[in-house]
C-alpha atoms as a PDB file:
ATOM      1  CA  MET A   1      -0.404  -0.850  17.440  1.00  0.00           C
ATOM      2  CA  ILE A   2       2.048  -0.816  14.541  1.00  0.00           C
ATOM      3  CA  ALA A   3       1.589   2.422  12.608  1.00  0.00           C
ATOM      4  CA  THR A   4       2.888   1.095   9.287  1.00  0.00           C
ATOM      5  CA  PRO A   5       0.620  -1.330   7.422  1.00  0.00           C
ATOM      6  CA  PRO A   6       2.096  -4.548   6.020  1.00  0.00           C
ATOM      7  CA  ALA A   7       3.928  -4.493   2.699  1.00  0.00           C
ATOM      8  CA  ALA A   8       4.307  -7.360   0.225  1.00  0.00           C
ATOM      9  CA  ALA A   9       7.348  -9.017  -1.297  1.00  0.00           C
ATOM     10  CA  GLY A  10       6.792 -10.569  -4.693  1.00  0.00           C
ATOM     11  CA  MET A  11       7.544 -10.393  -8.380  1.00  0.00           C
ATOM     12  CA  VAL A  12       6.573  -8.533 -11.528  1.00  0.00           C
ATOM     13  CA  ARG A  13       5.754 -10.330 -14.776  1.00  0.00           C
ATOM     14  CA  ALA A  14       3.903  -9.060 -17.848  1.00  0.00           C
ATOM     15  CA  ASN A  15       3.310  -5.697 -16.125  1.00  0.00           C
ATOM     16  CA  GLN A  16       1.591  -7.384 -13.183  1.00  0.00           C
ATOM     17  CA  TYR A  17       2.664  -7.632  -9.560  1.00  0.00           C
ATOM     18  CA  CYS A  18       2.143 -10.762  -7.451  1.00  0.00           C
ATOM     19  CA  GLY A  19       2.840 -10.406  -3.741  1.00  0.00           C
ATOM     20  CA  MET A  20       3.568 -13.719  -2.033  1.00  0.00           C
ATOM     21  CA  THR A  21       5.152 -12.685   1.253  1.00  0.00           C
ATOM     22  CA  MET A  22       3.685 -10.422   3.925  1.00  0.00           C
ATOM     23  CA  VAL A  23       6.255  -7.905   5.167  1.00  0.00           C
ATOM     24  CA  GLN A  24       5.688  -6.487   8.644  1.00  0.00           C
ATOM     25  CA  HIS A  25       7.218  -3.429  10.293  1.00  0.00           C
ATOM     26  CA  ASP A  26       8.438  -2.495  13.748  1.00  0.00           C
ATOM     27  CA  THR A  27       7.270   0.558  15.702  1.00  0.00           C
ATOM     28  CA  ARG A  28       9.701   2.787  13.775  1.00  0.00           C
ATOM     29  CA  GLY A  29       8.358   1.658  10.392  1.00  0.00           C
ATOM     30  CA  GLU A  30      11.386  -0.513   9.578  1.00  0.00           C
ATOM     31  CA  VAL A  31      10.955  -3.989   8.093  1.00  0.00           C
ATOM     32  CA  ILE A  32      11.203  -6.579  10.852  1.00  0.00           C
ATOM     33  CA  PHE A  33       9.515  -9.770   9.626  1.00  0.00           C
ATOM     34  CA  LEU A  34       8.784 -11.529   6.336  1.00  0.00           C
ATOM     35  CA  HIS A  35       6.079 -14.197   6.326  1.00  0.00           C
ATOM     36  CA  ARG A  36       6.437 -16.242   3.151  1.00  0.00           C
ATOM     37  CA  ASN A  37       2.832 -17.419   3.175  1.00  0.00           C
ATOM     38  CA  GLY A  38       2.073 -17.375  -0.559  1.00  0.00           C
ATOM     39  CA  LYS A  39       4.736 -19.843  -1.649  1.00  0.00           C
ATOM     40  CA  LYS A  40       6.114 -22.225   0.949  1.00  0.00           C
ATOM     41  CA  LEU A  41       9.646 -23.608   0.903  1.00  0.00           C
ATOM     42  CA  SER A  42      10.047 -27.333   0.373  1.00  0.00           C
ATOM     43  CA  GLY A  43      13.774 -27.718  -0.224  1.00  0.00           C
ATOM     44  CA  GLU A  44      13.052 -28.830  -3.787  1.00  0.00           C
ATOM     45  CA  GLU A  45      13.284 -25.312  -5.204  1.00  0.00           C
ATOM     46  CA  ASP A  46      15.595 -24.623  -8.101  1.00  0.00           C
ATOM     47  CA  PHE A  47      17.981 -22.056  -6.624  1.00  0.00           C
ATOM     48  CA  THR A  48      18.441 -20.373 -10.004  1.00  0.00           C
ATOM     49  CA  ARG A  49      14.716 -20.068 -10.823  1.00  0.00           C
ATOM     50  CA  ASP A  50      12.577 -20.082  -7.692  1.00  0.00           C
ATOM     51  CA  HIS A  51      13.202 -16.648  -6.238  1.00  0.00           C
ATOM     52  CA  THR A  52       9.938 -14.901  -5.437  1.00  0.00           C
ATOM     53  CA  TRP A  53      11.252 -11.684  -3.949  1.00  0.00           C
ATOM     54  CA  GLY A  54      11.951  -9.438  -6.908  1.00  0.00           C
ATOM     55  CA  HIS A  55      10.188  -6.334  -5.603  1.00  0.00           C
ATOM     56  CA  LEU A  56       8.847  -4.875  -2.373  1.00  0.00           C
ATOM     57  CA  GLN A  57       5.450  -3.180  -2.649  1.00  0.00           C
ATOM     58  CA  THR A  58       4.939  -0.715   0.210  1.00  0.00           C
ATOM     59  CA  PHE A  59       2.160   1.631   1.207  1.00  0.00           C
ATOM     60  CA  ILE A  60       3.220   5.271   1.132  1.00  0.00           C
ATOM     61  CA  PHE A  61       1.929   8.204   3.146  1.00  0.00           C
ATOM     62  CA  PRO A  62       1.894  11.865   2.118  1.00  0.00           C
ATOM     63  CA  ASP A  63       4.851  13.863   3.467  1.00  0.00           C
ATOM     64  CA  GLU A  64       2.876  15.537   6.266  1.00  0.00           C
ATOM     65  CA  ILE A  65       2.017  12.190   7.900  1.00  0.00           C
ATOM     66  CA  MET A  66       4.916  10.046   6.689  1.00  0.00           C
ATOM     67  CA  SER A  67       6.674   9.874  10.060  1.00  0.00           C
ATOM     68  CA  VAL A  68       5.434   7.135  12.399  1.00  0.00           C
ATOM     69  CA  SER A  69       5.319   9.843  15.074  1.00  0.00           C
ATOM     70  CA  ALA A  70       2.860  11.955  13.029  1.00  0.00           C
ATOM     71  CA  ASP A  71      -0.735  12.403  14.190  1.00  0.00           C
ATOM     72  CA  PRO A  72      -1.988   8.817  14.649  1.00  0.00           C
ATOM     73  CA  VAL A  73      -5.589   9.759  13.872  1.00  0.00           C
ATOM     74  CA  LYS A  74      -4.608  11.290  10.525  1.00  0.00           C
ATOM     75  CA  ARG A  75      -2.420   8.286   9.679  1.00  0.00           C
ATOM     76  CA  TYR A  76      -5.189   5.861  10.596  1.00  0.00           C
ATOM     77  CA  GLU A  77      -7.782   7.734   8.526  1.00  0.00           C
ATOM     78  CA  PHE A  78      -5.426   7.771   5.535  1.00  0.00           C
ATOM     79  CA  VAL A  79      -4.759   4.032   5.847  1.00  0.00           C
ATOM     80  CA  LYS A  80      -8.466   3.299   6.249  1.00  0.00           C
ATOM     81  CA  LYS A  81      -9.237   5.219   3.069  1.00  0.00           C
ATOM     82  CA  HIS A  82      -6.320   4.186   0.815  1.00  0.00           C
ATOM     83  CA  TYR A  83      -4.811   0.886   2.006  1.00  0.00           C
ATOM     84  CA  LYS A  84      -6.455  -1.650  -0.282  1.00  0.00           C
ATOM     85  CA  VAL A  85      -4.846  -5.044  -0.771  1.00  0.00           C
ATOM     86  CA  ASN A  86      -6.294  -7.106  -3.579  1.00  0.00           C
ATOM     87  CA  ILE A  87      -6.189 -10.902  -3.451  1.00  0.00           C
ATOM     88  CA  PHE A  88      -6.289 -12.678  -6.807  1.00  0.00           C
ATOM     89  CA  LYS A  89      -5.374 -15.912  -8.566  1.00  0.00           C
ATOM     90  CA  GLY A  90      -1.894 -15.946 -10.054  1.00  0.00           C
ATOM     91  CA  GLY A  91      -3.099 -16.847 -13.552  1.00  0.00           C
ATOM     92  CA  LYS A  92      -0.799 -17.677 -16.441  1.00  0.00           C
ATOM     93  CA  GLU A  93       1.802 -15.076 -15.405  1.00  0.00           C
ATOM     94  CA  PHE A  94       2.290 -16.749 -12.019  1.00  0.00           C
ATOM     95  CA  VAL A  95       1.493 -20.408 -12.707  1.00  0.00           C
ATOM     96  CA  LYS A  96       3.225 -21.844  -9.641  1.00  0.00           C
ATOM     97  CA  THR A  97       1.397 -19.449  -7.329  1.00  0.00           C
ATOM     98  CA  ARG A  98      -2.202 -20.085  -6.377  1.00  0.00           C
ATOM     99  CA  MET A  99      -2.867 -16.687  -4.840  1.00  0.00           C
ATOM    100  CA  CYS A 100      -1.264 -13.279  -5.120  1.00  0.00           C
ATOM    101  CA  TYR A 101      -1.941 -10.090  -3.223  1.00  0.00           C
ATOM    102  CA  GLY A 102      -1.111  -6.432  -3.637  1.00  0.00           C
ATOM    103  CA  ASP A 103      -1.697  -3.763  -6.263  1.00  0.00           C
ATOM    104  CA  ARG A 104      -1.761  -6.177  -9.215  1.00  0.00           C
ATOM    105  CA  TYR A 105      -1.487  -3.659 -12.059  1.00  0.00           C
ATOM    106  CA  MET A 106       0.697  -1.252 -10.061  1.00  0.00           C
ATOM    107  CA  ASN A 107      -1.538   1.717 -10.816  1.00  0.00           C
ATOM    108  CA  SER A 108      -2.257   2.965  -7.293  1.00  0.00           C
ATOM    109  CA  THR A 109      -0.504   6.169  -6.252  1.00  0.00           C
ATOM    110  CA  HIS A 110      -0.526   4.852  -2.673  1.00  0.00           C
ATOM    111  CA  PHE A 111       1.915   1.998  -3.238  1.00  0.00           C
ATOM    112  CA  ARG A 112       5.571   2.087  -4.241  1.00  0.00           C
ATOM    113  CA  LEU A 113       7.499  -0.736  -5.885  1.00  0.00           C
ATOM    114  CA  THR A 114      11.160  -1.070  -4.859  1.00  0.00           C
ATOM    115  CA  PRO A 115      13.536  -3.478  -6.637  1.00  0.00           C
ATOM    116  CA  TRP A 116      14.626  -6.164  -4.187  1.00  0.00           C
ATOM    117  CA  GLU A 117      18.315  -5.769  -5.134  1.00  0.00           C
ATOM    118  CA  SER A 118      18.307  -2.232  -3.724  1.00  0.00           C
ATOM    119  CA  LEU A 119      17.275  -3.378  -0.228  1.00  0.00           C
ATOM    120  CA  PRO A 120      19.897  -3.965   2.478  1.00  0.00           C
ATOM    121  CA  TRP A 121      18.764  -7.584   2.989  1.00  0.00           C
ATOM    122  CA  HIS A 122      18.469  -8.465  -0.705  1.00  0.00           C
ATOM    123  CA  ASN A 123      20.352 -11.764  -0.267  1.00  0.00           C
ATOM    124  CA  LEU A 124      18.019 -13.097   2.445  1.00  0.00           C
ATOM    125  CA  GLU A 125      16.035 -15.303   0.052  1.00  0.00           C
ATOM    126  CA  ASP A 126      19.263 -16.975  -1.135  1.00  0.00           C
ATOM    127  CA  THR A 127      20.033 -17.881   2.481  1.00  0.00           C
ATOM    128  CA  LEU A 128      16.510 -19.224   3.055  1.00  0.00           C
ATOM    129  CA  LEU A 129      16.652 -21.340  -0.101  1.00  0.00           C
ATOM    130  CA  ASP A 130      20.006 -22.739   1.073  1.00  0.00           C
ATOM    131  CA  TYR A 131      18.532 -23.627   4.490  1.00  0.00           C
ATOM    132  CA  ALA A 132      15.481 -25.261   2.888  1.00  0.00           C
ATOM    133  CA  HIS A 133      17.700 -27.297   0.579  1.00  0.00           C
ATOM    134  CA  ASP A 134      19.960 -28.379   3.458  1.00  0.00           C
ATOM    135  CA  ALA A 135      16.944 -29.343   5.590  1.00  0.00           C
ATOM    136  CA  SER A 136      15.506 -31.472   2.788  1.00  0.00           C
ATOM    137  CA  GLN A 137      18.750 -33.468   2.697  1.00  0.00           C
ATOM    138  CA  LEU A 138      18.503 -34.496   6.368  1.00  0.00           C
END
């Protein structure tokens, strides 16, 4: 079992967060897979406007159980109690997105928001948009 619950990649607008991509972790707690399930690529995206990964919203553990090698029972109980992922309609802030998920108003102490630019793979969405555009031209 993976000890780190999924995170969400998405964007912030009008003080609201909209997660559109599920972010999964490996056994060490490192990001390994992004599933862009909230907004599919078509190749018709406007490269300058259609980025959806502006922030990463991750679940955070208290220091004493932060390590993936910490007591698995304590980690599981903490996740069971505090890992709540809301699913909601995008609304006027996220018109092109039917559904969003995550801590919408970013008021939970159990989730952290990290700017996408600060992540080591911050240019990944640019590459994906390029591939989608190239594929649409075939």
